[in-house]
Amino acid sequence: MGTLGKRPQPDEPRPSTPQAKPNGDTNRSLLDIELALADHFNWKKNVIAFNVLGISATLPLDHECDMLVVTPSGYLTEVEIKRSYDDFCAEFKKRHHHASAVPMKDFLYCVPAGILEKTVKKLEEQKIIPSGILTYDENLEFRQYGIRSNEDTPENRQRAEELRKEGGSILLLFNGHGDAVRIVDPNLSNHPLFLEQQLEIARLGAMRQVALRRKISELQQRGPVNPDGKLLTKIAQMEVLLREYRNRFEEETGHRMDEKEVLFG
């Protein structure tokens, strides 16, 4: 008869639940978070690419994007991944605020659950309004919060505190007087990407495959005792994801890319 797993013995230590740092920052690696996000956004259905910088006329992104998600209908979401509050605060030293001429449906900050309150206060202070905030705990379970903006009144602040205490899925940011920076342009948010733009994102995602293969090769050449076995496994998992993007690109265009074209195309 099959079992679900080995029954723990009375004196056997139970696996501990991952814990965040005392200040709310995460102990999870960026690669852990990226792989979990790929699952969260269903990489088998949507095109997902990491660390994309579009510098062509086809994809005029003037900043590097941690993660882009393109739905089958062509709508684009950008996800900015943060592992600590200091990393999040460094975001506001940038000039671009993630604005671009590319149609974008949503822009999400992805932050550890333990810094959500500080994140909201910082956004209010900086008068920055994203589409939403995506939080994750140490088990890499996600929760998404939508953003609503209202005037800075005592009544609205009281309602915001009620929503936060209730753990509601809507957060209110108060950036009155109309001088707040909205990351997503409402005039572009309802427009899908052109097919050429979708394929450009898929191509940029596929390019990562060669770099990952080389990393795996370097790890394998270190010898039969591989101290980076865990990293090797995660890279291999990412390779599967990127191979899927490359296949989809080749199917759409009818053009098969060789290694040189993937690297320098």
C-alpha atoms as a PDB file:
ATOM      1  CA  MET A   1       0.000   0.000   0.000  1.00  0.00           C
ATOM      2  CA  GLY A   2       1.374   3.407  -0.944  1.00  0.00           C
ATOM      3  CA  THR A   3       1.889   6.200   1.548  1.00  0.00           C
ATOM      4  CA  LEU A   4       2.107   9.967   1.298  1.00  0.00           C
ATOM      5  CA  GLY A   5       5.513   9.965   2.931  1.00  0.00           C
ATOM      6  CA  LYS A   6       7.548   8.618   5.796  1.00  0.00           C
ATOM      7  CA  ARG A   7       5.806   8.893   9.148  1.00  0.00           C
ATOM      8  CA  PRO A   8       7.955  11.068  11.462  1.00  0.00           C
ATOM      9  CA  GLN A   9       9.276   9.374  14.577  1.00  0.00           C
ATOM     10  CA  PRO A  10       8.472  10.849  18.018  1.00  0.00           C
ATOM     11  CA  ASP A  11      12.009  12.158  18.576  1.00  0.00           C
ATOM     12  CA  GLU A  12      12.614  13.168  14.965  1.00  0.00           C
ATOM     13  CA  PRO A  13      12.879  16.962  14.449  1.00  0.00           C
ATOM     14  CA  ARG A  14      10.159  18.478  12.287  1.00  0.00           C
ATOM     15  CA  PRO A  15      11.164  20.726   9.404  1.00  0.00           C
ATOM     16  CA  SER A  16      11.039  24.334  10.510  1.00  0.00           C
ATOM     17  CA  THR A  17       8.899  26.918   8.752  1.00  0.00           C
ATOM     18  CA  PRO A  18      11.029  29.471   6.877  1.00  0.00           C
ATOM     19  CA  GLN A  19      11.287  32.715   8.780  1.00  0.00           C
ATOM     20  CA  ALA A  20      11.718  36.236   7.467  1.00  0.00           C
ATOM     21  CA  LYS A  21      14.325  38.551   8.951  1.00  0.00           C
ATOM     22  CA  PRO A  22      13.315  40.509  12.078  1.00  0.00           C
ATOM     23  CA  ASN A  23      12.885  43.704  10.044  1.00  0.00           C
ATOM     24  CA  GLY A  24      10.521  41.991   7.587  1.00  0.00           C
ATOM     25  CA  ASP A  25      13.045  41.468   4.797  1.00  0.00           C
ATOM     26  CA  THR A  26      13.141  38.061   3.154  1.00  0.00           C
ATOM     27  CA  ASN A  27      15.753  35.316   3.447  1.00  0.00           C
ATOM     28  CA  ARG A  28      14.681  33.885   0.105  1.00  0.00           C
ATOM     29  CA  SER A  29      17.006  34.168  -2.885  1.00  0.00           C
ATOM     30  CA  LEU A  30      16.060  36.154  -5.968  1.00  0.00           C
ATOM     31  CA  LEU A  31      16.058  32.942  -8.003  1.00  0.00           C
ATOM     32  CA  ASP A  32      13.590  31.346  -5.557  1.00  0.00           C
ATOM     33  CA  ILE A  33      11.286  34.330  -5.938  1.00  0.00           C
ATOM     34  CA  GLU A  34      11.567  34.421  -9.732  1.00  0.00           C
ATOM     35  CA  LEU A  35      10.689  30.745 -10.083  1.00  0.00           C
ATOM     36  CA  ALA A  36       7.734  31.124  -7.718  1.00  0.00           C
ATOM     37  CA  LEU A  37       6.529  34.171  -9.660  1.00  0.00           C
ATOM     38  CA  ALA A  38       6.784  32.223 -12.912  1.00  0.00           C
ATOM     39  CA  ASP A  39       4.421  29.642 -11.432  1.00  0.00           C
ATOM     40  CA  HIS A  40       2.166  32.320  -9.943  1.00  0.00           C
ATOM     41  CA  PHE A  41       1.737  33.985 -13.348  1.00  0.00           C
ATOM     42  CA  ASN A  42       1.329  30.619 -15.120  1.00  0.00           C
ATOM     43  CA  TRP A  43       4.395  30.527 -17.370  1.00  0.00           C
ATOM     44  CA  LYS A  44       2.873  27.709 -19.430  1.00  0.00           C
ATOM     45  CA  LYS A  45       0.093  30.052 -20.561  1.00  0.00           C
ATOM     46  CA  ASN A  46       1.714  33.495 -20.519  1.00  0.00           C
ATOM     47  CA  VAL A  47       5.044  34.689 -21.914  1.00  0.00           C
ATOM     48  CA  ILE A  48       7.363  35.577 -19.038  1.00  0.00           C
ATOM     49  CA  ALA A  49      10.789  37.163 -19.388  1.00  0.00           C
ATOM     50  CA  PHE A  50      13.234  38.322 -16.717  1.00  0.00           C
ATOM     51  CA  ASN A  51      15.692  41.239 -16.768  1.00  0.00           C
ATOM     52  CA  VAL A  52      14.475  42.732 -20.028  1.00  0.00           C
ATOM     53  CA  LEU A  53      15.843  45.974 -21.466  1.00  0.00           C
ATOM     54  CA  GLY A  54      14.158  46.887 -24.734  1.00  0.00           C
ATOM     55  CA  ILE A  55      16.358  49.321 -26.619  1.00  0.00           C
ATOM     56  CA  SER A  56      14.871  48.846 -30.085  1.00  0.00           C
ATOM     57  CA  ALA A  57      12.213  50.833 -31.902  1.00  0.00           C
ATOM     58  CA  THR A  58       9.980  47.770 -31.592  1.00  0.00           C
ATOM     59  CA  LEU A  59      10.137  47.744 -27.791  1.00  0.00           C
ATOM     60  CA  PRO A  60      11.021  51.244 -26.530  1.00  0.00           C
ATOM     61  CA  LEU A  61      11.625  50.393 -22.877  1.00  0.00           C
ATOM     62  CA  ASP A  62      14.179  52.826 -21.497  1.00  0.00           C
ATOM     63  CA  HIS A  63      14.745  50.915 -18.258  1.00  0.00           C
ATOM     64  CA  GLU A  64      15.496  47.351 -17.219  1.00  0.00           C
ATOM     65  CA  CYS A  65      12.434  45.355 -16.165  1.00  0.00           C
ATOM     66  CA  ASP A  66      12.855  42.660 -13.517  1.00  0.00           C
ATOM     67  CA  MET A  67       9.964  40.656 -14.960  1.00  0.00           C
ATOM     68  CA  LEU A  68       7.527  41.050 -17.836  1.00  0.00           C
ATOM     69  CA  VAL A  69       4.336  39.027 -18.254  1.00  0.00           C
ATOM     70  CA  VAL A  70       2.460  39.003 -21.563  1.00  0.00           C
ATOM     71  CA  THR A  71      -0.968  37.357 -21.747  1.00  0.00           C
ATOM     72  CA  PRO A  72      -2.136  35.462 -24.857  1.00  0.00           C
ATOM     73  CA  SER A  73      -4.260  38.495 -25.748  1.00  0.00           C
ATOM     74  CA  GLY A  74      -1.159  40.712 -25.652  1.00  0.00           C
ATOM     75  CA  TYR A  75      -1.576  42.646 -22.399  1.00  0.00           C
ATOM     76  CA  LEU A  76       1.615  43.505 -20.542  1.00  0.00           C
ATOM     77  CA  THR A  77       2.383  43.514 -16.811  1.00  0.00           C
ATOM     78  CA  GLU A  78       5.704  44.606 -15.322  1.00  0.00           C
ATOM     79  CA  VAL A  79       6.772  43.265 -11.926  1.00  0.00           C
ATOM     80  CA  GLU A  80       9.508  44.978  -9.924  1.00  0.00           C
ATOM     81  CA  ILE A  81      10.966  42.479  -7.433  1.00  0.00           C
ATOM     82  CA  LYS A  82      12.311  43.612  -4.057  1.00  0.00           C
ATOM     83  CA  ARG A  83      13.886  41.487  -1.308  1.00  0.00           C
ATOM     84  CA  SER A  84      14.320  44.210   1.335  1.00  0.00           C
ATOM     85  CA  TYR A  85      12.988  47.588   2.374  1.00  0.00           C
ATOM     86  CA  ASP A  86      16.344  49.239   1.635  1.00  0.00           C
ATOM     87  CA  ASP A  87      16.197  47.789  -1.872  1.00  0.00           C
ATOM     88  CA  PHE A  88      12.682  49.191  -2.256  1.00  0.00           C
ATOM     89  CA  CYS A  89      13.750  52.662  -1.072  1.00  0.00           C
ATOM     90  CA  ALA A  90      16.611  52.681  -3.571  1.00  0.00           C
ATOM     91  CA  GLU A  91      13.931  52.534  -6.255  1.00  0.00           C
ATOM     92  CA  PHE A  92      13.152  56.215  -5.783  1.00  0.00           C
ATOM     93  CA  LYS A  93      16.678  57.298  -6.653  1.00  0.00           C
ATOM     94  CA  LYS A  94      15.925  56.341 -10.256  1.00  0.00           C
ATOM     95  CA  ARG A  95      14.697  58.953 -12.683  1.00  0.00           C
ATOM     96  CA  HIS A  96      12.383  56.905 -14.850  1.00  0.00           C
ATOM     97  CA  HIS A  97       9.793  55.644 -12.293  1.00  0.00           C
ATOM     98  CA  HIS A  98       9.273  52.751 -14.758  1.00  0.00           C
ATOM     99  CA  ALA A  99       7.320  54.925 -17.156  1.00  0.00           C
ATOM    100  CA  SER A 100       7.579  53.962 -20.827  1.00  0.00           C
ATOM    101  CA  ALA A 101       5.885  54.405 -24.182  1.00  0.00           C
ATOM    102  CA  VAL A 102       5.035  50.690 -24.267  1.00  0.00           C
ATOM    103  CA  PRO A 103       1.352  49.940 -23.518  1.00  0.00           C
ATOM    104  CA  MET A 104       1.217  48.445 -20.024  1.00  0.00           C
ATOM    105  CA  LYS A 105      -1.845  47.016 -18.312  1.00  0.00           C
ATOM    106  CA  ASP A 106      -0.360  46.799 -14.810  1.00  0.00           C
ATOM    107  CA  PHE A 107       2.771  47.631 -12.859  1.00  0.00           C
ATOM    108  CA  LEU A 108       3.271  45.727  -9.598  1.00  0.00           C
ATOM    109  CA  TYR A 109       5.822  46.072  -6.826  1.00  0.00           C
ATOM    110  CA  CYS A 110       6.600  42.596  -5.460  1.00  0.00           C
ATOM    111  CA  VAL A 111       7.812  42.882  -1.857  1.00  0.00           C
ATOM    112  CA  PRO A 112       8.144  40.693   1.256  1.00  0.00           C
ATOM    113  CA  ALA A 113       4.903  40.566   3.238  1.00  0.00           C
ATOM    114  CA  GLY A 114       6.753  41.846   6.311  1.00  0.00           C
ATOM    115  CA  ILE A 115       7.456  45.248   4.745  1.00  0.00           C
ATOM    116  CA  LEU A 116       4.003  45.905   3.244  1.00  0.00           C
ATOM    117  CA  GLU A 117       3.071  48.643   5.707  1.00  0.00           C
ATOM    118  CA  LYS A 118       6.415  50.423   5.258  1.00  0.00           C
ATOM    119  CA  THR A 119       6.094  50.061   1.494  1.00  0.00           C
ATOM    120  CA  VAL A 120       2.675  51.746   1.459  1.00  0.00           C
ATOM    121  CA  LYS A 121       3.904  54.624   3.613  1.00  0.00           C
ATOM    122  CA  LYS A 122       6.919  55.131   1.345  1.00  0.00           C
ATOM    123  CA  LEU A 123       4.725  55.220  -1.756  1.00  0.00           C
ATOM    124  CA  GLU A 124       2.487  57.810  -0.111  1.00  0.00           C
ATOM    125  CA  GLU A 125       5.523  59.860   0.845  1.00  0.00           C
ATOM    126  CA  GLN A 126       6.955  59.711  -2.668  1.00  0.00           C
ATOM    127  CA  LYS A 127       3.553  60.238  -4.324  1.00  0.00           C
ATOM    128  CA  ILE A 128       3.988  57.197  -6.531  1.00  0.00           C
ATOM    129  CA  ILE A 129       0.916  55.178  -7.543  1.00  0.00           C
ATOM    130  CA  PRO A 130       1.490  51.709  -9.028  1.00  0.00           C
ATOM    131  CA  SER A 131      -1.323  49.417 -10.196  1.00  0.00           C
ATOM    132  CA  GLY A 132      -0.860  47.254  -7.139  1.00  0.00           C
ATOM    133  CA  ILE A 133       1.443  45.537  -4.666  1.00  0.00           C
ATOM    134  CA  LEU A 134       2.210  41.824  -4.701  1.00  0.00           C
ATOM    135  CA  THR A 135       3.495  40.411  -1.408  1.00  0.00           C
ATOM    136  CA  TYR A 136       5.118  37.055  -0.683  1.00  0.00           C
ATOM    137  CA  ASP A 137       5.901  35.205   2.531  1.00  0.00           C
ATOM    138  CA  GLU A 138       8.795  32.839   3.240  1.00  0.00           C
ATOM    139  CA  ASN A 139       6.769  29.943   1.823  1.00  0.00           C
ATOM    140  CA  LEU A 140       6.579  31.950  -1.404  1.00  0.00           C
ATOM    141  CA  GLU A 141       2.815  32.325  -1.249  1.00  0.00           C
ATOM    142  CA  PHE A 142       1.596  35.502  -2.923  1.00  0.00           C
ATOM    143  CA  ARG A 143      -1.151  38.000  -2.201  1.00  0.00           C
ATOM    144  CA  GLN A 144      -2.011  40.873  -4.485  1.00  0.00           C
ATOM    145  CA  TYR A 145      -3.349  44.250  -3.374  1.00  0.00           C
ATOM    146  CA  GLY A 146      -4.988  46.712  -5.728  1.00  0.00           C
ATOM    147  CA  ILE A 147      -4.324  50.433  -5.362  1.00  0.00           C
ATOM    148  CA  ARG A 148      -6.893  53.185  -5.099  1.00  0.00           C
ATOM    149  CA  SER A 149      -6.035  56.856  -4.775  1.00  0.00           C
ATOM    150  CA  ASN A 150      -8.138  59.386  -2.853  1.00  0.00           C
ATOM    151  CA  GLU A 151      -7.843  62.845  -1.421  1.00  0.00           C
ATOM    152  CA  ASP A 152      -5.879  63.205   1.806  1.00  0.00           C
ATOM    153  CA  THR A 153      -8.747  63.604   4.272  1.00  0.00           C
ATOM    154  CA  PRO A 154      -9.189  62.312   7.849  1.00  0.00           C
ATOM    155  CA  GLU A 155     -12.133  60.182   6.726  1.00  0.00           C
ATOM    156  CA  ASN A 156     -10.147  58.535   3.948  1.00  0.00           C
ATOM    157  CA  ARG A 157      -7.184  57.911   6.214  1.00  0.00           C
ATOM    158  CA  GLN A 158      -9.452  56.243   8.740  1.00  0.00           C
ATOM    159  CA  ARG A 159     -10.925  54.047   6.006  1.00  0.00           C
ATOM    160  CA  ALA A 160      -7.426  53.139   4.819  1.00  0.00           C
ATOM    161  CA  GLU A 161      -6.461  52.011   8.308  1.00  0.00           C
ATOM    162  CA  GLU A 162      -9.617  49.894   8.488  1.00  0.00           C
ATOM    163  CA  LEU A 163      -8.774  48.234   5.177  1.00  0.00           C
ATOM    164  CA  ARG A 164      -5.229  47.503   6.288  1.00  0.00           C
ATOM    165  CA  LYS A 165      -6.355  46.004   9.587  1.00  0.00           C
ATOM    166  CA  GLU A 166      -8.890  43.852   7.768  1.00  0.00           C
ATOM    167  CA  GLY A 167      -6.188  42.585   5.438  1.00  0.00           C
ATOM    168  CA  GLY A 168      -8.308  43.746   2.532  1.00  0.00           C
ATOM    169  CA  SER A 169      -7.250  43.371  -1.066  1.00  0.00           C
ATOM    170  CA  ILE A 170      -7.504  47.120  -1.700  1.00  0.00           C
ATOM    171  CA  LEU A 171      -4.982  49.647  -0.429  1.00  0.00           C
ATOM    172  CA  LEU A 172      -5.576  53.368  -0.518  1.00  0.00           C
ATOM    173  CA  LEU A 173      -2.750  55.765  -1.316  1.00  0.00           C
ATOM    174  CA  PHE A 174      -3.319  59.420  -0.567  1.00  0.00           C
ATOM    175  CA  ASN A 175      -1.469  61.663  -2.988  1.00  0.00           C
ATOM    176  CA  GLY A 176      -3.867  64.579  -3.247  1.00  0.00           C
ATOM    177  CA  HIS A 177      -3.671  67.748  -5.335  1.00  0.00           C
ATOM    178  CA  GLY A 178      -3.255  65.756  -8.555  1.00  0.00           C
ATOM    179  CA  ASP A 179       0.553  65.810  -8.453  1.00  0.00           C
ATOM    180  CA  ALA A 180       1.088  62.084  -7.949  1.00  0.00           C
ATOM    181  CA  VAL A 181       3.068  60.010 -10.443  1.00  0.00           C
ATOM    182  CA  ARG A 182       0.973  57.200 -11.901  1.00  0.00           C
ATOM    183  CA  ILE A 183       3.294  54.538 -13.261  1.00  0.00           C
ATOM    184  CA  VAL A 184       0.706  53.139 -15.664  1.00  0.00           C
ATOM    185  CA  ASP A 185      -0.535  55.565 -18.307  1.00  0.00           C
ATOM    186  CA  PRO A 186      -4.358  55.221 -18.348  1.00  0.00           C
ATOM    187  CA  ASN A 187      -4.334  56.148 -22.039  1.00  0.00           C
ATOM    188  CA  LEU A 188      -2.201  53.079 -22.835  1.00  0.00           C
ATOM    189  CA  SER A 189      -3.353  50.564 -20.230  1.00  0.00           C
ATOM    190  CA  ASN A 190      -6.275  49.290 -22.312  1.00  0.00           C
ATOM    191  CA  HIS A 191      -4.159  48.655 -25.406  1.00  0.00           C
ATOM    192  CA  PRO A 192      -2.462  45.287 -26.018  1.00  0.00           C
ATOM    193  CA  LEU A 193       1.036  45.025 -27.428  1.00  0.00           C
ATOM    194  CA  PHE A 194       1.499  44.624 -31.154  1.00  0.00           C
ATOM    195  CA  LEU A 195       2.440  41.103 -32.233  1.00  0.00           C
ATOM    196  CA  GLU A 196       5.968  42.307 -33.060  1.00  0.00           C
ATOM    197  CA  GLN A 197       6.353  43.611 -29.501  1.00  0.00           C
ATOM    198  CA  GLN A 198       5.101  40.348 -28.034  1.00  0.00           C
ATOM    199  CA  LEU A 199       7.605  38.383 -30.116  1.00  0.00           C
ATOM    200  CA  GLU A 200      10.404  40.762 -29.124  1.00  0.00           C
ATOM    201  CA  ILE A 201       9.775  40.032 -25.443  1.00  0.00           C
ATOM    202  CA  ALA A 202       9.670  36.300 -26.183  1.00  0.00           C
ATOM    203  CA  ARG A 203      12.952  36.590 -28.112  1.00  0.00           C
ATOM    204  CA  LEU A 204      14.675  38.446 -25.274  1.00  0.00           C
ATOM    205  CA  GLY A 205      13.485  35.779 -22.846  1.00  0.00           C
ATOM    206  CA  ALA A 206      14.759  33.008 -25.112  1.00  0.00           C
ATOM    207  CA  MET A 207      18.210  34.610 -25.287  1.00  0.00           C
ATOM    208  CA  ARG A 208      18.723  33.757 -21.610  1.00  0.00           C
ATOM    209  CA  GLN A 209      18.742  30.064 -22.470  1.00  0.00           C
ATOM    210  CA  VAL A 210      22.298  30.099 -23.817  1.00  0.00           C
ATOM    211  CA  ALA A 211      23.647  31.948 -20.767  1.00  0.00           C
ATOM    212  CA  LEU A 212      21.974  29.418 -18.477  1.00  0.00           C
ATOM    213  CA  ARG A 213      23.384  26.501 -20.476  1.00  0.00           C
ATOM    214  CA  ARG A 214      26.868  27.930 -20.081  1.00  0.00           C
ATOM    215  CA  LYS A 215      26.364  28.338 -16.346  1.00  0.00           C
ATOM    216  CA  ILE A 216      25.297  24.706 -16.080  1.00  0.00           C
ATOM    217  CA  SER A 217      28.354  23.661 -18.105  1.00  0.00           C
ATOM    218  CA  GLU A 218      30.661  25.612 -15.777  1.00  0.00           C
ATOM    219  CA  LEU A 219      29.123  23.939 -12.726  1.00  0.00           C
ATOM    220  CA  GLN A 220      29.420  20.483 -14.269  1.00  0.00           C
ATOM    221  CA  GLN A 221      33.093  21.040 -15.122  1.00  0.00           C
ATOM    222  CA  ARG A 222      33.959  21.593 -11.479  1.00  0.00           C
ATOM    223  CA  GLY A 223      34.046  17.843 -10.997  1.00  0.00           C
ATOM    224  CA  PRO A 224      31.922  14.964  -9.746  1.00  0.00           C
ATOM    225  CA  VAL A 225      31.440  16.621  -6.351  1.00  0.00           C
ATOM    226  CA  ASN A 226      29.276  19.589  -7.119  1.00  0.00           C
ATOM    227  CA  PRO A 227      28.874  22.038  -4.204  1.00  0.00           C
ATOM    228  CA  ASP A 228      26.282  23.956  -6.204  1.00  0.00           C
ATOM    229  CA  GLY A 229      23.869  21.118  -6.859  1.00  0.00           C
ATOM    230  CA  LYS A 230      20.897  23.097  -5.563  1.00  0.00           C
ATOM    231  CA  LEU A 231      21.721  26.041  -7.799  1.00  0.00           C
ATOM    232  CA  LEU A 232      22.225  23.677 -10.736  1.00  0.00           C
ATOM    233  CA  THR A 233      18.746  22.253 -10.253  1.00  0.00           C
ATOM    234  CA  LYS A 234      17.155  25.702 -10.152  1.00  0.00           C
ATOM    235  CA  ILE A 235      19.005  26.824 -13.268  1.00  0.00           C
ATOM    236  CA  ALA A 236      17.833  23.699 -15.057  1.00  0.00           C
ATOM    237  CA  GLN A 237      14.246  24.504 -14.051  1.00  0.00           C
ATOM    238  CA  MET A 238      14.626  28.023 -15.413  1.00  0.00           C
ATOM    239  CA  GLU A 239      16.049  26.606 -18.630  1.00  0.00           C
ATOM    240  CA  VAL A 240      12.847  24.622 -19.187  1.00  0.00           C
ATOM    241  CA  LEU A 241      10.826  27.829 -18.849  1.00  0.00           C
ATOM    242  CA  LEU A 242      13.011  29.736 -21.295  1.00  0.00           C
ATOM    243  CA  ARG A 243      13.051  26.889 -23.809  1.00  0.00           C
ATOM    244  CA  GLU A 244       9.265  27.142 -23.923  1.00  0.00           C
ATOM    245  CA  TYR A 245       9.480  30.835 -24.831  1.00  0.00           C
ATOM    246  CA  ARG A 246      11.987  30.139 -27.582  1.00  0.00           C
ATOM    247  CA  ASN A 247       9.772  27.413 -29.044  1.00  0.00           C
ATOM    248  CA  ARG A 248       6.783  29.738 -29.027  1.00  0.00           C
ATOM    249  CA  PHE A 249       8.795  32.443 -30.782  1.00  0.00           C
ATOM    250  CA  GLU A 250       9.943  30.030 -33.473  1.00  0.00           C
ATOM    251  CA  GLU A 251       6.406  28.709 -33.942  1.00  0.00           C
ATOM    252  CA  GLU A 252       5.000  32.210 -34.378  1.00  0.00           C
ATOM    253  CA  THR A 253       7.673  33.383 -36.821  1.00  0.00           C
ATOM    254  CA  GLY A 254       8.466  30.113 -38.589  1.00  0.00           C
ATOM    255  CA  HIS A 255      12.126  30.978 -38.074  1.00  0.00           C
ATOM    256  CA  ARG A 256      14.552  28.783 -36.159  1.00  0.00           C
ATOM    257  CA  MET A 257      17.268  30.644 -34.252  1.00  0.00           C
ATOM    258  CA  ASP A 258      20.794  29.277 -34.043  1.00  0.00           C
ATOM    259  CA  GLU A 259      23.025  29.965 -31.022  1.00  0.00           C
ATOM    260  CA  LYS A 260      24.798  32.934 -32.592  1.00  0.00           C
ATOM    261  CA  GLU A 261      21.510  34.610 -33.447  1.00  0.00           C
ATOM    262  CA  VAL A 262      20.174  34.010 -29.939  1.00  0.00           C
ATOM    263  CA  LEU A 263      23.226  35.703 -28.468  1.00  0.00           C
ATOM    264  CA  PHE A 264      23.567  38.629 -30.830  1.00  0.00           C
ATOM    265  CA  GLY A 265      20.200  38.862 -32.594  1.00  0.00           C
END
